[in-house]
């Protein structure tokens, strides 16, 4: 566990996740086109790395657990958790939409062979 905790790869990926969530929050309602474009690109990248759409909810749960841990449970209300869960669910749905589209395209190409 200690090896994972201090892994440069994990730390870099974590910082990318934080940056993506921050950018997404800034764009919600302000620049929906750019937000959807970014989430589609993220879904495409995750599909290229063979990350399955069913893995994405674990990322969502991990962010919520991290927020609870960092903010202490008394500073992270049930309403806060529900709001974060709602926002993250929307982001994950958009990312997995791109992943599923790529999977369907690959399957279609395989069936044509």
PDB file of N, CA and C in Angstrom:
ATOM      1  N   UNK A   1       0.818  -1.184   0.000  1.00  0.00           N
ATOM      2  CA  UNK A   1       0.000   0.000   0.000  1.00  0.00           C
ATOM      3  C   UNK A   1       0.872   1.262   0.000  1.00  0.00           C
ATOM      4  N   UNK A   2       1.954   1.248   0.768  1.00  0.00           N
ATOM      5  CA  UNK A   2       2.844   2.409   0.814  1.00  0.00           C
ATOM      6  C   UNK A   2       3.460   2.670  -0.562  1.00  0.00           C
ATOM      7  N   UNK A   3       3.786   1.600  -1.275  1.00  0.00           N
ATOM      8  CA  UNK A   3       4.369   1.747  -2.606  1.00  0.00           C
ATOM      9  C   UNK A   3       3.379   2.446  -3.547  1.00  0.00           C
ATOM     10  N   UNK A   4       2.124   2.088  -3.453  1.00  0.00           N
ATOM     11  CA  UNK A   4       1.088   2.710  -4.276  1.00  0.00           C
ATOM     12  C   UNK A   4       0.887   4.155  -3.861  1.00  0.00           C
ATOM     13  N   UNK A   5       0.844   4.400  -2.562  1.00  0.00           N
ATOM     14  CA  UNK A   5       0.586   5.751  -2.043  1.00  0.00           C
ATOM     15  C   UNK A   5       1.595   6.765  -2.569  1.00  0.00           C
ATOM     16  N   UNK A   6       2.848   6.368  -2.718  1.00  0.00           N
ATOM     17  CA  UNK A   6       3.888   7.305  -3.128  1.00  0.00           C
ATOM     18  C   UNK A   6       4.349   7.094  -4.570  1.00  0.00           C
ATOM     19  N   UNK A   7       3.608   6.314  -5.329  1.00  0.00           N
ATOM     20  CA  UNK A   7       3.937   6.084  -6.728  1.00  0.00           C
ATOM     21  C   UNK A   7       3.792   7.370  -7.528  1.00  0.00           C
ATOM     22  N   UNK A   8       4.822   7.734  -8.284  1.00  0.00           N
ATOM     23  CA  UNK A   8       4.755   8.944  -9.106  1.00  0.00           C
ATOM     24  C   UNK A   8       3.612   8.837 -10.105  1.00  0.00           C
ATOM     25  N   UNK A   9       3.444   7.669 -10.659  1.00  0.00           N
ATOM     26  CA  UNK A   9       2.387   7.459 -11.654  1.00  0.00           C
ATOM     27  C   UNK A   9       1.006   7.720 -11.040  1.00  0.00           C
ATOM     28  N   UNK A  10       0.777   7.212  -9.841  1.00  0.00           N
ATOM     29  CA  UNK A  10      -0.504   7.402  -9.157  1.00  0.00           C
ATOM     30  C   UNK A  10      -0.689   8.878  -8.791  1.00  0.00           C
ATOM     31  N   UNK A  11       0.367   9.513  -8.296  1.00  0.00           N
ATOM     32  CA  UNK A  11       0.274  10.926  -7.921  1.00  0.00           C
ATOM     33  C   UNK A  11      -0.016  11.820  -9.128  1.00  0.00           C
ATOM     34  N   UNK A  12       0.628  11.537 -10.247  1.00  0.00           N
ATOM     35  CA  UNK A  12       0.396  12.314 -11.462  1.00  0.00           C
ATOM     36  C   UNK A  12      -1.039  12.102 -11.941  1.00  0.00           C
ATOM     37  N   UNK A  13      -1.481  10.859 -11.954  1.00  0.00           N
ATOM     38  CA  UNK A  13      -2.848  10.575 -12.395  1.00  0.00           C
ATOM     39  C   UNK A  13      -3.856  11.260 -11.466  1.00  0.00           C
ATOM     40  N   UNK A  14      -3.600  11.218 -10.181  1.00  0.00           N
ATOM     41  CA  UNK A  14      -4.481  11.891  -9.224  1.00  0.00           C
ATOM     42  C   UNK A  14      -4.570  13.381  -9.489  1.00  0.00           C
ATOM     43  N   UNK A  15      -3.433  13.990  -9.821  1.00  0.00           N
ATOM     44  CA  UNK A  15      -3.458  15.432 -10.110  1.00  0.00           C
ATOM     45  C   UNK A  15      -4.230  15.714 -11.393  1.00  0.00           C
ATOM     46  N   UNK A  16      -4.164  14.805 -12.374  1.00  0.00           N
ATOM     47  CA  UNK A  16      -4.963  14.960 -13.595  1.00  0.00           C
ATOM     48  C   UNK A  16      -6.453  14.869 -13.278  1.00  0.00           C
ATOM     49  N   UNK A  17      -6.827  13.962 -12.393  1.00  0.00           N
ATOM     50  CA  UNK A  17      -8.235  13.820 -12.021  1.00  0.00           C
ATOM     51  C   UNK A  17      -8.731  15.096 -11.354  1.00  0.00           C
ATOM     52  N   UNK A  18      -7.948  15.622 -10.422  1.00  0.00           N
ATOM     53  CA  UNK A  18      -8.332  16.853  -9.729  1.00  0.00           C
ATOM     54  C   UNK A  18      -8.463  17.996 -10.736  1.00  0.00           C
ATOM     55  N   UNK A  19      -7.519  18.111 -11.651  1.00  0.00           N
ATOM     56  CA  UNK A  19      -7.561  19.160 -12.667  1.00  0.00           C
ATOM     57  C   UNK A  19      -8.799  19.015 -13.556  1.00  0.00           C
ATOM     58  N   UNK A  20      -9.122  17.783 -13.956  1.00  0.00           N
ATOM     59  CA  UNK A  20     -10.287  17.543 -14.806  1.00  0.00           C
ATOM     60  C   UNK A  20     -11.568  17.923 -14.082  1.00  0.00           C
ATOM     61  N   UNK A  21     -11.694  17.530 -12.834  1.00  0.00           N
ATOM     62  CA  UNK A  21     -12.903  17.858 -12.070  1.00  0.00           C
ATOM     63  C   UNK A  21     -13.010  19.369 -11.894  1.00  0.00           C
ATOM     64  N   UNK A  22     -11.903  20.015 -11.590  1.00  0.00           N
ATOM     65  CA  UNK A  22     -11.909  21.471 -11.420  1.00  0.00           C
ATOM     66  C   UNK A  22     -12.331  22.166 -12.711  1.00  0.00           C
ATOM     67  N   UNK A  23     -11.757  21.746 -13.827  1.00  0.00           N
ATOM     68  CA  UNK A  23     -12.109  22.345 -15.120  1.00  0.00           C
ATOM     69  C   UNK A  23     -13.581  22.079 -15.453  1.00  0.00           C
ATOM     70  N   UNK A  24     -14.032  20.864 -15.194  1.00  0.00           N
ATOM     71  CA  UNK A  24     -15.433  20.525 -15.465  1.00  0.00           C
ATOM     72  C   UNK A  24     -16.375  21.395 -14.642  1.00  0.00           C
ATOM     73  N   UNK A  25     -16.058  21.578 -13.376  1.00  0.00           N
ATOM     74  CA  UNK A  25     -16.902  22.422 -12.519  1.00  0.00           C
ATOM     75  C   UNK A  25     -16.939  23.855 -13.021  1.00  0.00           C
ATOM     76  N   UNK A  26     -15.802  24.347 -13.518  1.00  0.00           N
ATOM     77  CA  UNK A  26     -15.756  25.709 -14.060  1.00  0.00           C
ATOM     78  C   UNK A  26     -16.621  25.837 -15.309  1.00  0.00           C
ATOM     79  N   UNK A  27     -16.699  24.780 -16.110  1.00  0.00           N
ATOM     80  CA  UNK A  27     -17.399  24.840 -17.391  1.00  0.00           C
ATOM     81  C   UNK A  27     -18.887  24.513 -17.303  1.00  0.00           C
ATOM     82  N   UNK A  28     -19.333  23.871 -16.236  1.00  0.00           N
ATOM     83  CA  UNK A  28     -20.742  23.492 -16.143  1.00  0.00           C
ATOM     84  C   UNK A  28     -21.600  24.747 -16.255  1.00  0.00           C
ATOM     85  N   UNK A  29     -22.476  24.745 -17.246  1.00  0.00           N
ATOM     86  CA  UNK A  29     -23.369  25.871 -17.468  1.00  0.00           C
ATOM     87  C   UNK A  29     -22.718  27.060 -18.148  1.00  0.00           C
ATOM     88  N   UNK A  30     -21.401  27.061 -18.248  1.00  0.00           N
ATOM     89  CA  UNK A  30     -20.691  28.181 -18.875  1.00  0.00           C
ATOM     90  C   UNK A  30     -20.250  27.833 -20.292  1.00  0.00           C
ATOM     91  N   UNK A  31     -19.702  26.643 -20.452  1.00  0.00           N
ATOM     92  CA  UNK A  31     -19.200  26.232 -21.762  1.00  0.00           C
ATOM     93  C   UNK A  31     -19.448  24.733 -21.908  1.00  0.00           C
ATOM     94  N   UNK A  32     -20.707  24.386 -22.102  1.00  0.00           N
ATOM     95  CA  UNK A  32     -21.079  22.974 -22.174  1.00  0.00           C
ATOM     96  C   UNK A  32     -20.440  22.264 -23.360  1.00  0.00           C
ATOM     97  N   UNK A  33     -20.228  22.983 -24.469  1.00  0.00           N
ATOM     98  CA  UNK A  33     -19.593  22.364 -25.634  1.00  0.00           C
ATOM     99  C   UNK A  33     -18.178  21.913 -25.296  1.00  0.00           C
ATOM    100  N   UNK A  34     -17.390  22.794 -24.671  1.00  0.00           N
ATOM    101  CA  UNK A  34     -16.016  22.433 -24.297  1.00  0.00           C
ATOM    102  C   UNK A  34     -16.003  21.317 -23.262  1.00  0.00           C
ATOM    103  N   UNK A  35     -16.953  21.356 -22.337  1.00  0.00           N
ATOM    104  CA  UNK A  35     -17.042  20.309 -21.319  1.00  0.00           C
ATOM    105  C   UNK A  35     -17.310  18.959 -21.966  1.00  0.00           C
ATOM    106  N   UNK A  36     -18.284  18.896 -22.849  1.00  0.00           N
ATOM    107  CA  UNK A  36     -18.587  17.626 -23.519  1.00  0.00           C
ATOM    108  C   UNK A  36     -17.416  17.155 -24.361  1.00  0.00           C
ATOM    109  N   UNK A  37     -16.746  18.079 -25.020  1.00  0.00           N
ATOM    110  CA  UNK A  37     -15.566  17.740 -25.830  1.00  0.00           C
ATOM    111  C   UNK A  37     -14.466  17.141 -24.952  1.00  0.00           C
ATOM    112  N   UNK A  38     -14.203  17.795 -23.817  1.00  0.00           N
ATOM    113  CA  UNK A  38     -13.177  17.297 -22.898  1.00  0.00           C
ATOM    114  C   UNK A  38     -13.534  15.906 -22.375  1.00  0.00           C
ATOM    115  N   UNK A  39     -14.786  15.710 -21.987  1.00  0.00           N
ATOM    116  CA  UNK A  39     -15.203  14.415 -21.447  1.00  0.00           C
ATOM    117  C   UNK A  39     -15.162  13.330 -22.512  1.00  0.00           C
ATOM    118  N   UNK A  40     -15.502  13.689 -23.745  1.00  0.00           N
ATOM    119  CA  UNK A  40     -15.408  12.720 -24.849  1.00  0.00           C
ATOM    120  C   UNK A  40     -13.944  12.307 -25.065  1.00  0.00           C
ATOM    121  N   UNK A  41     -13.045  13.292 -25.030  1.00  0.00           N
ATOM    122  CA  UNK A  41     -11.615  12.997 -25.190  1.00  0.00           C
ATOM    123  C   UNK A  41     -11.115  12.106 -24.052  1.00  0.00           C
ATOM    124  N   UNK A  42     -11.582  12.373 -22.842  1.00  0.00           N
ATOM    125  CA  UNK A  42     -11.192  11.533 -21.702  1.00  0.00           C
ATOM    126  C   UNK A  42     -11.698  10.104 -21.882  1.00  0.00           C
ATOM    127  N   UNK A  43     -12.927   9.980 -22.337  1.00  0.00           N
ATOM    128  CA  UNK A  43     -13.482   8.653 -22.586  1.00  0.00           C
ATOM    129  C   UNK A  43     -12.696   7.916 -23.651  1.00  0.00           C
ATOM    130  N   UNK A  44     -12.307   8.632 -24.685  1.00  0.00           N
ATOM    131  CA  UNK A  44     -11.519   8.042 -25.768  1.00  0.00           C
ATOM    132  C   UNK A  44     -10.166   7.566 -25.251  1.00  0.00           C
ATOM    133  N   UNK A  45      -9.495   8.413 -24.465  1.00  0.00           N
ATOM    134  CA  UNK A  45      -8.192   8.030 -23.908  1.00  0.00           C
ATOM    135  C   UNK A  45      -8.317   6.807 -22.997  1.00  0.00           C
ATOM    136  N   UNK A  46      -9.358   6.801 -22.161  1.00  0.00           N
ATOM    137  CA  UNK A  46      -9.536   5.662 -21.263  1.00  0.00           C
ATOM    138  C   UNK A  46      -9.829   4.390 -22.045  1.00  0.00           C
ATOM    139  N   UNK A  47     -10.571   4.508 -23.129  1.00  0.00           N
ATOM    140  CA  UNK A  47     -10.848   3.334 -23.967  1.00  0.00           C
ATOM    141  C   UNK A  47      -9.554   2.818 -24.599  1.00  0.00           C
ATOM    142  N   UNK A  48      -8.678   3.728 -25.022  1.00  0.00           N
ATOM    143  CA  UNK A  48      -7.400   3.331 -25.616  1.00  0.00           C
ATOM    144  C   UNK A  48      -6.513   2.604 -24.611  1.00  0.00           C
ATOM    145  N   UNK A  49      -6.672   2.937 -23.336  1.00  0.00           N
ATOM    146  CA  UNK A  49      -5.908   2.268 -22.279  1.00  0.00           C
ATOM    147  C   UNK A  49      -6.642   1.040 -21.741  1.00  0.00           C
ATOM    148  N   UNK A  50      -7.722   0.668 -22.426  1.00  0.00           N
ATOM    149  CA  UNK A  50      -8.530  -0.503 -22.058  1.00  0.00           C
ATOM    150  C   UNK A  50      -9.191  -0.383 -20.692  1.00  0.00           C
ATOM    151  N   UNK A  51      -9.479   0.846 -20.282  1.00  0.00           N
ATOM    152  CA  UNK A  51     -10.254   1.057 -19.060  1.00  0.00           C
ATOM    153  C   UNK A  51     -11.712   0.817 -19.435  1.00  0.00           C
ATOM    154  N   UNK A  52     -12.345  -0.064 -18.736  1.00  0.00           N
ATOM    155  CA  UNK A  52     -13.730  -0.414 -19.043  1.00  0.00           C
ATOM    156  C   UNK A  52     -14.691   0.592 -18.410  1.00  0.00           C
ATOM    157  N   UNK A  53     -15.807   0.866 -19.088  1.00  0.00           N
ATOM    158  CA  UNK A  53     -16.786   1.814 -18.539  1.00  0.00           C
ATOM    159  C   UNK A  53     -17.247   1.443 -17.128  1.00  0.00           C
ATOM    160  N   UNK A  54     -17.327   0.162 -16.845  1.00  0.00           N
ATOM    161  CA  UNK A  54     -17.786  -0.257 -15.513  1.00  0.00           C
ATOM    162  C   UNK A  54     -16.772   0.032 -14.407  1.00  0.00           C
ATOM    163  N   UNK A  55     -15.555   0.426 -14.789  1.00  0.00           N
ATOM    164  CA  UNK A  55     -14.552   0.808 -13.791  1.00  0.00           C
ATOM    165  C   UNK A  55     -14.726   2.254 -13.317  1.00  0.00           C
ATOM    166  N   UNK A  56     -15.367   3.068 -14.119  1.00  0.00           N
ATOM    167  CA  UNK A  56     -15.464   4.500 -13.834  1.00  0.00           C
ATOM    168  C   UNK A  56     -16.212   4.829 -12.535  1.00  0.00           C
ATOM    169  N   UNK A  57     -17.270   4.110 -12.176  1.00  0.00           N
ATOM    170  CA  UNK A  57     -17.928   4.423 -10.900  1.00  0.00           C
ATOM    171  C   UNK A  57     -17.003   4.265  -9.685  1.00  0.00           C
ATOM    172  N   UNK A  58     -15.983   3.413  -9.796  1.00  0.00           N
ATOM    173  CA  UNK A  58     -15.026   3.274  -8.692  1.00  0.00           C
ATOM    174  C   UNK A  58     -14.233   4.559  -8.505  1.00  0.00           C
ATOM    175  N   UNK A  59     -13.916   5.224  -9.638  1.00  0.00           N
ATOM    176  CA  UNK A  59     -13.227   6.509  -9.554  1.00  0.00           C
ATOM    177  C   UNK A  59     -14.127   7.514  -8.847  1.00  0.00           C
ATOM    178  N   UNK A  60     -15.395   7.508  -9.208  1.00  0.00           N
ATOM    179  CA  UNK A  60     -16.370   8.414  -8.597  1.00  0.00           C
ATOM    180  C   UNK A  60     -16.447   8.177  -7.086  1.00  0.00           C
ATOM    181  N   UNK A  61     -16.545   6.932  -6.689  1.00  0.00           N
ATOM    182  CA  UNK A  61     -16.608   6.602  -5.261  1.00  0.00           C
ATOM    183  C   UNK A  61     -15.327   7.012  -4.550  1.00  0.00           C
ATOM    184  N   UNK A  62     -14.195   6.839  -5.214  1.00  0.00           N
ATOM    185  CA  UNK A  62     -12.909   7.197  -4.612  1.00  0.00           C
ATOM    186  C   UNK A  62     -12.816   8.695  -4.351  1.00  0.00           C
ATOM    187  N   UNK A  63     -13.327   9.494  -5.273  1.00  0.00           N
ATOM    188  CA  UNK A  63     -13.290  10.953  -5.083  1.00  0.00           C
ATOM    189  C   UNK A  63     -14.142  11.338  -3.881  1.00  0.00           C
ATOM    190  N   UNK A  64     -15.296  10.731  -3.756  1.00  0.00           N
ATOM    191  CA  UNK A  64     -16.166  11.049  -2.626  1.00  0.00           C
ATOM    192  C   UNK A  64     -15.519  10.629  -1.308  1.00  0.00           C
ATOM    193  N   UNK A  65     -14.909   9.459  -1.268  1.00  0.00           N
ATOM    194  CA  UNK A  65     -14.221   9.016  -0.053  1.00  0.00           C
ATOM    195  C   UNK A  65     -13.072   9.963   0.275  1.00  0.00           C
ATOM    196  N   UNK A  66     -12.341  10.405  -0.750  1.00  0.00           N
ATOM    197  CA  UNK A  66     -11.235  11.337  -0.537  1.00  0.00           C
ATOM    198  C   UNK A  66     -11.753  12.650   0.050  1.00  0.00           C
ATOM    199  N   UNK A  67     -12.854  13.162  -0.521  1.00  0.00           N
ATOM    200  CA  UNK A  67     -13.423  14.415  -0.004  1.00  0.00           C
ATOM    201  C   UNK A  67     -13.853  14.264   1.447  1.00  0.00           C
ATOM    202  N   UNK A  68     -14.496  13.162   1.762  1.00  0.00           N
ATOM    203  CA  UNK A  68     -14.911  12.909   3.153  1.00  0.00           C
ATOM    204  C   UNK A  68     -13.706  12.873   4.083  1.00  0.00           C
ATOM    205  N   UNK A  69     -12.646  12.230   3.619  1.00  0.00           N
ATOM    206  CA  UNK A  69     -11.447  12.080   4.440  1.00  0.00           C
ATOM    207  C   UNK A  69     -10.748  13.417   4.642  1.00  0.00           C
ATOM    208  N   UNK A  70     -10.573  14.153   3.550  1.00  0.00           N
ATOM    209  CA  UNK A  70      -9.849  15.421   3.637  1.00  0.00           C
ATOM    210  C   UNK A  70     -10.639  16.504   4.364  1.00  0.00           C
ATOM    211  N   UNK A  71     -11.951  16.515   4.149  1.00  0.00           N
ATOM    212  CA  UNK A  71     -12.772  17.569   4.747  1.00  0.00           C
ATOM    213  C   UNK A  71     -13.323  17.177   6.110  1.00  0.00           C
ATOM    214  N   UNK A  72     -13.036  15.967   6.522  1.00  0.00           N
ATOM    215  CA  UNK A  72     -13.573  15.416   7.765  1.00  0.00           C
ATOM    216  C   UNK A  72     -15.083  15.273   7.611  1.00  0.00           C
ATOM    217  N   UNK A  73     -15.587  14.201   8.091  1.00  0.00           N
ATOM    218  CA  UNK A  73     -17.002  13.900   7.886  1.00  0.00           C
ATOM    219  C   UNK A  73     -17.921  14.978   8.431  1.00  0.00           C
ATOM    220  N   UNK A  74     -17.534  15.663   9.497  1.00  0.00           N
ATOM    221  CA  UNK A  74     -18.426  16.699  10.042  1.00  0.00           C
ATOM    222  C   UNK A  74     -18.481  17.942   9.154  1.00  0.00           C
ATOM    223  N   UNK A  75     -17.488  18.123   8.259  1.00  0.00           N
ATOM    224  CA  UNK A  75     -17.498  19.250   7.328  1.00  0.00           C
ATOM    225  C   UNK A  75     -18.027  18.858   5.953  1.00  0.00           C
ATOM    226  N   UNK A  76     -18.368  17.607   5.797  1.00  0.00           N
ATOM    227  CA  UNK A  76     -18.850  17.086   4.517  1.00  0.00           C
ATOM    228  C   UNK A  76     -20.217  16.467   4.783  1.00  0.00           C
ATOM    229  N   UNK A  77     -21.246  17.277   4.610  1.00  0.00           N
ATOM    230  CA  UNK A  77     -22.606  16.861   4.966  1.00  0.00           C
ATOM    231  C   UNK A  77     -23.172  15.859   3.970  1.00  0.00           C
ATOM    232  N   UNK A  78     -24.265  15.269   4.332  1.00  0.00           N
ATOM    233  CA  UNK A  78     -24.969  14.348   3.440  1.00  0.00           C
ATOM    234  C   UNK A  78     -25.373  15.084   2.159  1.00  0.00           C
ATOM    235  N   UNK A  79     -25.781  16.345   2.294  1.00  0.00           N
ATOM    236  CA  UNK A  79     -26.149  17.153   1.128  1.00  0.00           C
ATOM    237  C   UNK A  79     -24.940  17.386   0.215  1.00  0.00           C
ATOM    238  N   UNK A  80     -23.781  17.630   0.828  1.00  0.00           N
ATOM    239  CA  UNK A  80     -22.553  17.789   0.048  1.00  0.00           C
ATOM    240  C   UNK A  80     -22.253  16.511  -0.736  1.00  0.00           C
ATOM    241  N   UNK A  81     -22.364  15.388  -0.047  1.00  0.00           N
ATOM    242  CA  UNK A  81     -22.092  14.106  -0.689  1.00  0.00           C
ATOM    243  C   UNK A  81     -23.054  13.863  -1.853  1.00  0.00           C
ATOM    244  N   UNK A  82     -24.325  14.159  -1.651  1.00  0.00           N
ATOM    245  CA  UNK A  82     -25.313  13.961  -2.714  1.00  0.00           C
ATOM    246  C   UNK A  82     -25.039  14.878  -3.902  1.00  0.00           C
ATOM    247  N   UNK A  83     -24.631  16.122  -3.630  1.00  0.00           N
ATOM    248  CA  UNK A  83     -24.322  17.064  -4.705  1.00  0.00           C
ATOM    249  C   UNK A  83     -23.109  16.588  -5.512  1.00  0.00           C
ATOM    250  N   UNK A  84     -22.052  16.181  -4.805  1.00  0.00           N
ATOM    251  CA  UNK A  84     -20.859  15.671  -5.485  1.00  0.00           C
ATOM    252  C   UNK A  84     -21.183  14.412  -6.280  1.00  0.00           C
ATOM    253  N   UNK A  85     -21.963  13.529  -5.690  1.00  0.00           N
ATOM    254  CA  UNK A  85     -22.335  12.297  -6.371  1.00  0.00           C
ATOM    255  C   UNK A  85     -23.101  12.604  -7.657  1.00  0.00           C
ATOM    256  N   UNK A  86     -23.983  13.583  -7.610  1.00  0.00           N
ATOM    257  CA  UNK A  86     -24.763  13.974  -8.785  1.00  0.00           C
ATOM    258  C   UNK A  86     -23.857  14.529  -9.890  1.00  0.00           C
ATOM    259  N   UNK A  87     -22.973  15.441  -9.522  1.00  0.00           N
ATOM    260  CA  UNK A  87     -22.067  16.039 -10.508  1.00  0.00           C
ATOM    261  C   UNK A  87     -21.143  14.981 -11.097  1.00  0.00           C
ATOM    262  N   UNK A  88     -20.548  14.166 -10.233  1.00  0.00           N
ATOM    263  CA  UNK A  88     -19.626  13.135 -10.714  1.00  0.00           C
ATOM    264  C   UNK A  88     -20.342  12.090 -11.561  1.00  0.00           C
ATOM    265  N   UNK A  89     -21.578  11.775 -11.221  1.00  0.00           N
ATOM    266  CA  UNK A  89     -22.358  10.823 -12.030  1.00  0.00           C
ATOM    267  C   UNK A  89     -22.532  11.348 -13.450  1.00  0.00           C
ATOM    268  N   UNK A  90     -22.790  12.635 -13.571  1.00  0.00           N
ATOM    269  CA  UNK A  90     -22.950  13.240 -14.887  1.00  0.00           C
ATOM    270  C   UNK A  90     -21.639  13.196 -15.676  1.00  0.00           C
ATOM    271  N   UNK A  91     -20.532  13.514 -15.014  1.00  0.00           N
ATOM    272  CA  UNK A  91     -19.228  13.472 -15.685  1.00  0.00           C
ATOM    273  C   UNK A  91     -18.898  12.056 -16.131  1.00  0.00           C
ATOM    274  N   UNK A  92     -19.106  11.091 -15.246  1.00  0.00           N
ATOM    275  CA  UNK A  92     -18.820   9.690 -15.559  1.00  0.00           C
ATOM    276  C   UNK A  92     -19.706   9.208 -16.711  1.00  0.00           C
ATOM    277  N   UNK A  93     -20.970   9.606 -16.719  1.00  0.00           N
ATOM    278  CA  UNK A  93     -21.883   9.196 -17.797  1.00  0.00           C
ATOM    279  C   UNK A  93     -21.372   9.688 -19.146  1.00  0.00           C
ATOM    280  N   UNK A  94     -20.867  10.908 -19.187  1.00  0.00           N
ATOM    281  CA  UNK A  94     -20.343  11.446 -20.444  1.00  0.00           C
ATOM    282  C   UNK A  94     -19.047  10.758 -20.869  1.00  0.00           C
ATOM    283  N   UNK A  95     -18.194  10.462 -19.920  1.00  0.00           N
ATOM    284  CA  UNK A  95     -16.943   9.764 -20.231  1.00  0.00           C
ATOM    285  C   UNK A  95     -17.247   8.355 -20.740  1.00  0.00           C
ATOM    286  N   UNK A  96     -18.126   7.650 -20.058  1.00  0.00           N
ATOM    287  CA  UNK A  96     -18.418   6.267 -20.454  1.00  0.00           C
ATOM    288  C   UNK A  96     -19.186   6.210 -21.771  1.00  0.00           C
ATOM    289  N   UNK A  97     -19.914   7.258 -22.108  1.00  0.00           N
ATOM    290  CA  UNK A  97     -20.605   7.293 -23.405  1.00  0.00           C
ATOM    291  C   UNK A  97     -19.580   7.181 -24.530  1.00  0.00           C
ATOM    292  N   UNK A  98     -18.485   7.909 -24.407  1.00  0.00           N
ATOM    293  CA  UNK A  98     -17.424   7.847 -25.417  1.00  0.00           C
ATOM    294  C   UNK A  98     -16.765   6.469 -25.410  1.00  0.00           C
ATOM    295  N   UNK A  99     -16.523   5.917 -24.229  1.00  0.00           N
ATOM    296  CA  UNK A  99     -15.917   4.591 -24.141  1.00  0.00           C
ATOM    297  C   UNK A  99     -16.795   3.544 -24.828  1.00  0.00           C
ATOM    298  N   UNK A 100     -18.086   3.599 -24.564  1.00  0.00           N
ATOM    299  CA  UNK A 100     -19.015   2.628 -25.157  1.00  0.00           C
ATOM    300  C   UNK A 100     -19.109   2.794 -26.675  1.00  0.00           C
ATOM    301  N   UNK A 101     -19.067   4.028 -27.158  1.00  0.00           N
ATOM    302  CA  UNK A 101     -19.110   4.268 -28.604  1.00  0.00           C
ATOM    303  C   UNK A 101     -17.895   3.647 -29.287  1.00  0.00           C
ATOM    304  N   UNK A 102     -16.744   3.780 -28.666  1.00  0.00           N
ATOM    305  CA  UNK A 102     -15.526   3.191 -29.234  1.00  0.00           C
ATOM    306  C   UNK A 102     -15.608   1.672 -29.197  1.00  0.00           C
ATOM    307  N   UNK A 103     -16.112   1.120 -28.108  1.00  0.00           N
ATOM    308  CA  UNK A 103     -16.259  -0.338 -28.001  1.00  0.00           C
ATOM    309  C   UNK A 103     -17.214  -0.854 -29.075  1.00  0.00           C
ATOM    310  N   UNK A 104     -18.305  -0.130 -29.308  1.00  0.00           N
ATOM    311  CA  UNK A 104     -19.264  -0.543 -30.337  1.00  0.00           C
ATOM    312  C   UNK A 104     -18.645  -0.465 -31.728  1.00  0.00           C
ATOM    313  N   UNK A 105     -17.841   0.569 -31.967  1.00  0.00           N
ATOM    314  CA  UNK A 105     -17.174   0.708 -33.263  1.00  0.00           C
ATOM    315  C   UNK A 105     -16.211  -0.451 -33.494  1.00  0.00           C
ATOM    316  N   UNK A 106     -15.439  -0.810 -32.468  1.00  0.00           N
ATOM    317  CA  UNK A 106     -14.507  -1.932 -32.582  1.00  0.00           C
ATOM    318  C   UNK A 106     -15.251  -3.227 -32.859  1.00  0.00           C
ATOM    319  N   UNK A 107     -16.336  -3.445 -32.136  1.00  0.00           N
ATOM    320  CA  UNK A 107     -17.135  -4.647 -32.320  1.00  0.00           C
ATOM    321  C   UNK A 107     -17.708  -4.697 -33.727  1.00  0.00           C
ATOM    322  N   UNK A 108     -18.195  -3.579 -34.206  1.00  0.00           N
ATOM    323  CA  UNK A 108     -18.745  -3.505 -35.558  1.00  0.00           C
ATOM    324  C   UNK A 108     -17.680  -3.856 -36.599  1.00  0.00           C
ATOM    325  N   UNK A 109     -16.480  -3.319 -36.397  1.00  0.00           N
ATOM    326  CA  UNK A 109     -15.379  -3.601 -37.333  1.00  0.00           C
ATOM    327  C   UNK A 109     -14.987  -5.077 -37.303  1.00  0.00           C
ATOM    328  N   UNK A 110     -14.999  -5.679 -36.121  1.00  0.00           N
ATOM    329  CA  UNK A 110     -14.667  -7.090 -35.977  1.00  0.00           C
ATOM    330  C   UNK A 110     -15.710  -7.978 -36.652  1.00  0.00           C
ATOM    331  N   UNK A 111     -16.955  -7.601 -36.545  1.00  0.00           N
ATOM    332  CA  UNK A 111     -18.037  -8.387 -37.149  1.00  0.00           C
ATOM    333  C   UNK A 111     -18.019  -8.310 -38.670  1.00  0.00           C
ATOM    334  N   UNK A 112     -17.491  -7.226 -39.224  1.00  0.00           N
ATOM    335  CA  UNK A 112     -17.400  -7.081 -40.668  1.00  0.00           C
ATOM    336  C   UNK A 112     -16.302  -7.944 -41.263  1.00  0.00           C
ATOM    337  N   UNK A 113     -15.343  -8.336 -40.433  1.00  0.00           N
ATOM    338  CA  UNK A 113     -14.237  -9.169 -40.925  1.00  0.00           C
ATOM    339  C   UNK A 113     -14.767 -10.515 -41.203  1.00  0.00           C
TER     340      UNK A 113
END
